[in-house]
N, C-alpha and C. Protein backbone atom coordinates (compact mmCIF):
# COMPACT_ATOMS: atom_id res chain seq x y z
N MET A 1 -7.99 17.09 -3.96
CA MET A 1 -9.35 17.37 -3.79
C MET A 1 -10.13 15.85 -3.75
N SER A 2 -10.76 15.40 -2.80
CA SER A 2 -11.47 14.39 -2.98
C SER A 2 -12.70 14.46 -3.97
N ARG A 3 -13.07 13.42 -4.21
CA ARG A 3 -14.48 13.15 -5.09
C ARG A 3 -15.40 12.42 -4.92
N ILE A 4 -16.38 12.49 -5.12
CA ILE A 4 -17.74 11.69 -4.64
C ILE A 4 -18.36 11.20 -6.00
N ALA A 5 -18.63 9.89 -6.36
CA ALA A 5 -19.34 9.55 -7.24
C ALA A 5 -20.33 8.83 -6.64
N ILE A 6 -21.40 8.86 -7.83
CA ILE A 6 -22.61 8.12 -7.46
C ILE A 6 -22.27 6.81 -8.50
N LYS A 7 -22.71 5.51 -7.69
CA LYS A 7 -22.91 4.17 -8.66
C LYS A 7 -23.77 3.48 -8.30
N ASP A 8 -24.40 2.51 -9.24
CA ASP A 8 -25.54 1.90 -8.94
C ASP A 8 -24.96 0.55 -8.18
N GLU A 9 -23.63 0.03 -8.39
CA GLU A 9 -23.36 -1.18 -7.58
C GLU A 9 -21.78 -1.39 -7.15
N PRO A 10 -21.29 -1.80 -5.79
CA PRO A 10 -22.14 -2.46 -5.01
C PRO A 10 -22.49 -1.61 -4.31
N SER A 11 -21.84 -0.53 -4.02
CA SER A 11 -22.37 0.77 -2.81
C SER A 11 -22.54 1.75 -3.99
N PRO A 12 -23.73 2.61 -3.67
CA PRO A 12 -24.03 3.62 -4.22
C PRO A 12 -22.95 4.74 -4.30
N ILE A 13 -22.79 4.87 -3.27
CA ILE A 13 -21.41 5.96 -3.11
C ILE A 13 -20.12 5.60 -2.70
N ILE A 14 -19.26 5.98 -3.56
CA ILE A 14 -17.84 5.89 -3.93
C ILE A 14 -17.12 7.06 -3.41
N HIS A 15 -16.47 7.24 -2.13
CA HIS A 15 -15.66 8.06 -2.12
C HIS A 15 -14.22 7.96 -2.41
N THR A 16 -14.05 9.06 -3.15
CA THR A 16 -12.33 8.64 -3.95
C THR A 16 -11.43 9.49 -2.85
N PRO A 17 -10.45 9.38 -2.35
CA PRO A 17 -9.42 10.02 -1.44
C PRO A 17 -8.59 10.79 -2.30
N SER A 18 -8.13 11.47 -1.77
CA SER A 18 -7.18 12.68 -2.96
C SER A 18 -5.61 11.99 -2.09
N PHE A 19 -4.91 11.98 -3.43
CA PHE A 19 -3.58 11.55 -3.14
C PHE A 19 -2.74 12.29 -4.08
N LYS A 20 -1.73 12.08 -4.27
CA LYS A 20 -0.43 12.28 -5.10
C LYS A 20 -0.19 11.49 -6.41
N LYS A 21 -0.23 11.96 -7.32
CA LYS A 21 -0.04 11.32 -8.71
C LYS A 21 1.19 11.64 -9.66
N TRP A 22 1.75 10.64 -9.79
CA TRP A 22 3.12 10.94 -10.70
C TRP A 22 3.00 10.02 -12.14
N ALA A 23 3.37 10.21 -13.30
CA ALA A 23 3.47 9.41 -14.26
C ALA A 23 4.92 9.25 -14.52
N GLN A 24 5.25 8.33 -15.27
CA GLN A 24 6.32 7.43 -15.69
C GLN A 24 6.38 6.77 -17.06
N ARG A 25 7.37 7.12 -17.88
CA ARG A 25 7.43 6.14 -19.05
C ARG A 25 7.27 4.76 -19.05
N ARG A 26 6.11 4.22 -19.78
CA ARG A 26 6.17 2.60 -19.48
C ARG A 26 7.61 1.87 -19.47
N SER A 27 8.51 2.37 -20.59
CA SER A 27 9.43 1.76 -21.06
C SER A 27 10.26 1.51 -19.54
N TYR A 28 10.58 2.97 -18.84
CA TYR A 28 11.34 2.97 -17.52
C TYR A 28 10.53 1.89 -16.96
N ILE A 29 9.82 1.60 -16.33
CA ILE A 29 8.75 1.01 -15.77
C ILE A 29 9.32 -0.47 -15.80
N VAL A 30 9.29 -0.76 -17.12
CA VAL A 30 9.67 -2.03 -17.69
C VAL A 30 11.12 -2.33 -17.42
N THR A 31 11.85 -1.53 -17.78
CA THR A 31 13.60 -1.76 -17.22
C THR A 31 13.65 -2.07 -15.53
N GLU A 32 12.92 -1.49 -15.13
CA GLU A 32 12.98 -1.65 -13.45
C GLU A 32 12.51 -3.13 -12.91
N LEU A 33 11.52 -3.19 -13.45
CA LEU A 33 10.91 -4.49 -13.45
C LEU A 33 11.93 -5.72 -13.62
N GLU A 34 12.44 -5.51 -14.92
CA GLU A 34 13.24 -6.43 -15.61
C GLU A 34 14.63 -6.61 -14.93
N GLN A 35 15.24 -5.81 -14.02
CA GLN A 35 16.17 -5.65 -13.22
C GLN A 35 16.01 -6.32 -11.96
N LEU A 36 14.38 -6.51 -11.52
CA LEU A 36 14.36 -7.00 -10.68
C LEU A 36 13.86 -8.59 -10.77
N GLY A 37 14.37 -8.88 -12.05
CA GLY A 37 14.04 -10.49 -12.59
C GLY A 37 12.48 -10.63 -12.95
N MET A 38 11.51 -9.72 -12.99
CA MET A 38 10.27 -10.03 -13.65
C MET A 38 10.32 -9.28 -14.98
N LYS A 39 9.62 -9.91 -15.83
CA LYS A 39 9.20 -9.83 -17.09
C LYS A 39 7.65 -9.50 -17.28
N PRO A 40 7.46 -7.63 -17.46
CA PRO A 40 5.95 -7.65 -17.45
C PRO A 40 5.36 -8.26 -18.82
N LEU A 41 4.27 -8.79 -18.63
CA LEU A 41 3.07 -9.22 -19.72
C LEU A 41 3.42 -8.21 -20.61
N CYS A 42 3.24 -8.96 -22.17
CA CYS A 42 3.29 -8.06 -23.30
C CYS A 42 4.17 -6.88 -23.20
N ALA A 43 5.49 -7.03 -22.71
CA ALA A 43 6.78 -5.97 -22.53
C ALA A 43 7.02 -5.74 -23.99
N ASP A 44 7.04 -6.51 -24.78
CA ASP A 44 7.67 -6.32 -26.38
C ASP A 44 6.28 -5.48 -27.04
N GLN A 45 5.02 -5.23 -26.28
CA GLN A 45 4.10 -4.87 -27.40
C GLN A 45 3.44 -3.67 -26.28
N PRO A 46 4.07 -2.78 -25.97
CA PRO A 46 3.33 -1.79 -25.07
C PRO A 46 1.98 -1.33 -25.23
N MET A 47 1.04 -1.29 -24.69
CA MET A 47 -0.17 -0.68 -24.67
C MET A 47 -0.21 0.73 -24.13
N ASP A 48 0.34 1.28 -22.92
CA ASP A 48 0.37 2.26 -22.32
C ASP A 48 1.40 2.98 -22.79
N GLY A 49 1.74 4.12 -22.95
CA GLY A 49 2.88 4.80 -23.12
C GLY A 49 3.59 5.42 -21.83
N TRP A 50 2.39 5.49 -20.75
CA TRP A 50 2.49 5.80 -19.71
C TRP A 50 1.87 5.23 -18.26
N ILE A 51 2.79 5.29 -17.62
CA ILE A 51 2.11 4.69 -16.00
C ILE A 51 1.71 5.80 -15.09
N TYR A 52 0.72 5.55 -14.41
CA TYR A 52 0.25 6.51 -13.70
C TYR A 52 0.26 5.91 -12.13
N PHE A 53 1.08 6.51 -11.20
CA PHE A 53 1.36 5.91 -9.71
C PHE A 53 1.06 6.73 -8.71
N THR A 54 1.21 6.43 -7.58
CA THR A 54 1.24 7.09 -6.60
C THR A 54 2.32 6.84 -5.60
N ASP A 55 2.42 7.33 -4.24
CA ASP A 55 3.45 7.35 -3.19
C ASP A 55 2.74 6.00 -2.18
N MET A 56 3.43 5.57 -1.34
CA MET A 56 2.90 4.63 -0.30
C MET A 56 1.84 5.36 0.25
N GLU A 57 1.88 6.54 0.94
CA GLU A 57 0.64 7.09 1.36
C GLU A 57 -0.35 7.13 0.72
N GLY A 58 -0.59 7.40 -0.71
CA GLY A 58 -1.53 7.14 -1.60
C GLY A 58 -1.90 5.65 -1.67
N TRP A 59 -0.81 4.75 -1.79
CA TRP A 59 -1.70 3.42 -2.32
C TRP A 59 -2.22 2.96 -0.85
N GLY A 60 -1.83 3.49 0.24
CA GLY A 60 -2.33 3.05 1.80
C GLY A 60 -3.90 3.74 1.69
N LYS A 61 -4.48 4.66 0.99
CA LYS A 61 -5.57 5.24 1.14
C LYS A 61 -6.50 4.64 -0.16
N ILE A 62 -5.96 3.79 -0.81
CA ILE A 62 -6.83 2.96 -1.72
C ILE A 62 -6.72 1.46 -1.85
N LEU A 63 -5.52 1.01 -1.47
CA LEU A 63 -5.58 -0.78 -1.56
C LEU A 63 -6.67 -1.15 -0.61
N TRP A 64 -7.08 -0.93 0.31
CA TRP A 64 -8.00 -1.54 1.01
C TRP A 64 -9.35 -1.59 0.00
N ASP A 65 -9.80 -0.64 -0.41
CA ASP A 65 -10.87 -1.09 -1.63
C ASP A 65 -10.34 -1.99 -2.52
N LEU A 66 -9.44 -2.11 -3.14
CA LEU A 66 -9.17 -3.41 -3.75
C LEU A 66 -9.00 -4.79 -3.45
N VAL A 67 -9.58 -5.12 -2.35
CA VAL A 67 -9.53 -6.21 -1.88
C VAL A 67 -11.00 -6.77 -1.93
N PHE A 68 -11.17 -7.87 -2.52
CA PHE A 68 -12.50 -7.96 -2.96
C PHE A 68 -12.92 -9.30 -2.16
N ASN A 69 -14.46 -9.29 -2.08
CA ASN A 69 -14.79 -10.54 -0.99
C ASN A 69 -14.47 -11.89 -1.56
N SER A 70 -14.14 -12.79 -1.13
CA SER A 70 -13.50 -14.06 -1.15
C SER A 70 -14.66 -15.24 -1.75
N LYS A 71 -16.11 -14.73 -1.54
CA LYS A 71 -17.25 -15.51 -2.03
C LYS A 71 -17.55 -15.64 -3.63
N LEU A 72 -16.35 -14.35 -4.32
CA LEU A 72 -16.34 -14.55 -5.91
C LEU A 72 -15.78 -15.56 -6.00
N TYR A 73 -14.91 -16.32 -5.38
CA TYR A 73 -13.80 -17.17 -6.05
C TYR A 73 -14.66 -18.52 -6.22
N LYS A 74 -14.21 -19.06 -7.43
CA LYS A 74 -14.45 -20.15 -8.28
C LYS A 74 -13.40 -20.83 -8.96
N THR A 75 -12.82 -21.94 -8.82
CA THR A 75 -11.92 -22.46 -8.97
C THR A 75 -11.64 -22.36 -10.77
N ASP A 76 -10.37 -21.91 -11.31
CA ASP A 76 -10.33 -21.70 -12.72
C ASP A 76 -11.19 -20.78 -13.36
N ILE A 77 -12.43 -20.41 -12.61
CA ILE A 77 -13.01 -19.26 -13.35
C ILE A 77 -12.74 -18.13 -12.80
N PHE A 78 -12.81 -17.66 -11.45
CA PHE A 78 -12.39 -16.77 -10.64
C PHE A 78 -11.57 -16.89 -9.72
N ASP A 79 -10.29 -16.74 -9.98
CA ASP A 79 -9.35 -17.23 -8.90
C ASP A 79 -8.30 -16.17 -8.97
N CYS A 80 -7.06 -16.40 -8.39
CA CYS A 80 -5.92 -15.18 -8.37
C CYS A 80 -5.72 -14.12 -9.01
N ASP A 81 -5.74 -14.60 -10.39
CA ASP A 81 -5.29 -13.86 -11.46
C ASP A 81 -6.36 -12.95 -11.84
N LYS A 82 -7.75 -13.48 -11.60
CA LYS A 82 -9.12 -12.87 -11.81
C LYS A 82 -8.97 -11.96 -11.16
N TYR A 83 -8.60 -12.10 -9.79
CA TYR A 83 -8.70 -11.21 -8.40
C TYR A 83 -7.70 -10.09 -8.93
N ALA A 84 -6.80 -10.21 -9.36
CA ALA A 84 -5.46 -9.49 -9.68
C ALA A 84 -6.10 -8.79 -10.87
N LEU A 85 -6.78 -8.94 -11.87
CA LEU A 85 -7.29 -8.29 -13.12
C LEU A 85 -8.69 -7.60 -12.37
N LYS A 86 -9.17 -7.85 -11.68
CA LYS A 86 -10.28 -7.07 -11.02
C LYS A 86 -9.63 -5.82 -10.44
N ALA A 87 -8.74 -6.10 -9.49
CA ALA A 87 -8.05 -5.01 -8.53
C ALA A 87 -7.47 -3.83 -9.67
N TYR A 88 -6.83 -4.45 -10.76
CA TYR A 88 -6.06 -3.35 -11.98
C TYR A 88 -7.37 -2.71 -12.48
N ILE A 89 -8.42 -3.32 -12.71
CA ILE A 89 -9.10 -2.60 -13.55
C ILE A 89 -9.84 -1.47 -12.79
N THR A 90 -10.35 -2.02 -11.31
CA THR A 90 -10.66 -1.01 -10.71
C THR A 90 -10.04 0.02 -10.21
N CYS A 91 -8.78 0.01 -9.85
CA CYS A 91 -7.97 0.65 -9.53
C CYS A 91 -7.69 1.85 -11.05
N CYS A 92 -8.02 1.70 -12.46
CA CYS A 92 -7.94 2.27 -13.08
C CYS A 92 -9.21 3.14 -13.48
N GLU A 93 -10.53 2.44 -13.20
CA GLU A 93 -11.56 3.02 -13.09
C GLU A 93 -11.90 3.98 -12.17
N ARG A 94 -11.62 3.79 -10.72
CA ARG A 94 -11.81 4.42 -9.84
C ARG A 94 -10.88 5.64 -9.62
N TYR A 95 -9.57 5.18 -9.75
CA TYR A 95 -8.55 6.21 -9.37
C TYR A 95 -7.64 6.81 -10.30
N SER A 96 -8.24 6.12 -11.59
CA SER A 96 -7.10 6.66 -12.85
C SER A 96 -5.64 6.20 -12.40
N LEU A 97 -5.55 5.40 -11.98
CA LEU A 97 -4.00 4.61 -11.88
C LEU A 97 -4.16 3.40 -12.62
N ASN A 98 -2.97 3.53 -13.39
CA ASN A 98 -3.03 2.12 -14.28
C ASN A 98 -1.56 1.07 -13.83
N SER A 99 -1.19 1.60 -12.58
CA SER A 99 0.03 0.78 -12.16
C SER A 99 -0.09 -0.53 -11.44
N LEU A 100 -1.35 -0.59 -10.89
CA LEU A 100 -1.30 -1.82 -9.95
C LEU A 100 -1.23 -3.29 -11.21
N LEU A 101 -0.05 -3.44 -11.41
CA LEU A 101 0.10 -4.42 -12.61
C LEU A 101 0.19 -5.64 -12.19
N LEU A 102 -0.64 -6.66 -13.24
CA LEU A 102 -0.80 -8.30 -12.77
C LEU A 102 0.81 -8.84 -12.95
N ALA A 103 0.96 -9.65 -11.84
CA ALA A 103 2.09 -10.37 -11.73
C ALA A 103 1.46 -11.79 -11.85
N ILE A 104 2.37 -12.96 -12.37
CA ILE A 104 2.37 -14.22 -12.32
C ILE A 104 3.40 -14.62 -11.79
N GLY A 105 3.71 -15.50 -10.98
CA GLY A 105 5.05 -16.14 -10.31
C GLY A 105 4.96 -17.54 -9.73
N ASP A 106 5.54 -17.80 -9.17
CA ASP A 106 5.57 -19.32 -8.73
C ASP A 106 5.87 -19.00 -6.88
N VAL A 107 5.07 -19.50 -6.27
CA VAL A 107 4.75 -19.83 -5.08
C VAL A 107 5.08 -21.46 -4.46
N PRO A 108 5.38 -21.59 -3.32
CA PRO A 108 5.29 -23.19 -2.75
C PRO A 108 3.93 -23.95 -3.27
N LEU A 109 2.86 -23.63 -3.66
CA LEU A 109 1.74 -24.37 -4.17
C LEU A 109 1.84 -24.21 -5.54
N GLY A 110 2.53 -23.55 -6.33
CA GLY A 110 2.44 -23.74 -7.74
C GLY A 110 2.23 -22.03 -8.28
N ARG A 111 1.83 -22.10 -9.60
CA ARG A 111 1.52 -20.66 -10.30
C ARG A 111 0.72 -19.85 -9.18
N HIS A 112 0.81 -18.49 -9.32
CA HIS A 112 -0.15 -17.66 -8.37
C HIS A 112 -0.09 -16.44 -9.00
N GLY A 113 -1.42 -15.80 -9.17
CA GLY A 113 -1.72 -14.22 -9.94
C GLY A 113 -1.26 -13.46 -8.49
N PHE A 114 -1.10 -12.15 -8.83
CA PHE A 114 -1.25 -10.97 -7.94
C PHE A 114 -0.58 -9.72 -8.28
N ASN A 115 -0.59 -9.04 -7.59
CA ASN A 115 -0.63 -7.57 -8.28
C ASN A 115 0.90 -6.77 -7.61
N VAL A 116 1.52 -6.16 -8.43
CA VAL A 116 2.56 -5.38 -7.86
C VAL A 116 2.35 -3.70 -8.28
N PHE A 117 3.09 -2.97 -7.62
CA PHE A 117 2.88 -1.37 -8.07
C PHE A 117 4.32 -0.90 -7.86
N PRO A 118 4.26 -0.08 -8.71
CA PRO A 118 5.51 0.95 -8.29
C PRO A 118 4.95 2.25 -7.67
N TYR A 119 5.84 2.92 -6.91
CA TYR A 119 5.61 3.95 -5.94
C TYR A 119 6.76 4.90 -5.75
N TYR A 120 6.38 6.34 -5.51
CA TYR A 120 7.39 7.04 -5.79
C TYR A 120 7.93 7.43 -4.31
């Protein structure tokens, strides 16, 4: 079932689409990421016991809402890792999914922050 919430900013009305949701123990997700060569931040100090996620169809309904205006960009103040954190927090707040994880990796231009997510 879809939900509608009234918010003050940035838009007064936010439509939350319906999507399937699954939960998996965090330790399982950490193991899967490590097998892909990724080391989750704070892997040895789990903060959430369960990771809530959706399938590709569900992500397709919500990821568009987690792309933010580039006018927010400020070097070293609000750059790639801050965009990734904002997307993670907004995903938790609006969609009750804590699985849009922050990743830091090396790209040709240097270190870069981005999001990764599990799906069913």
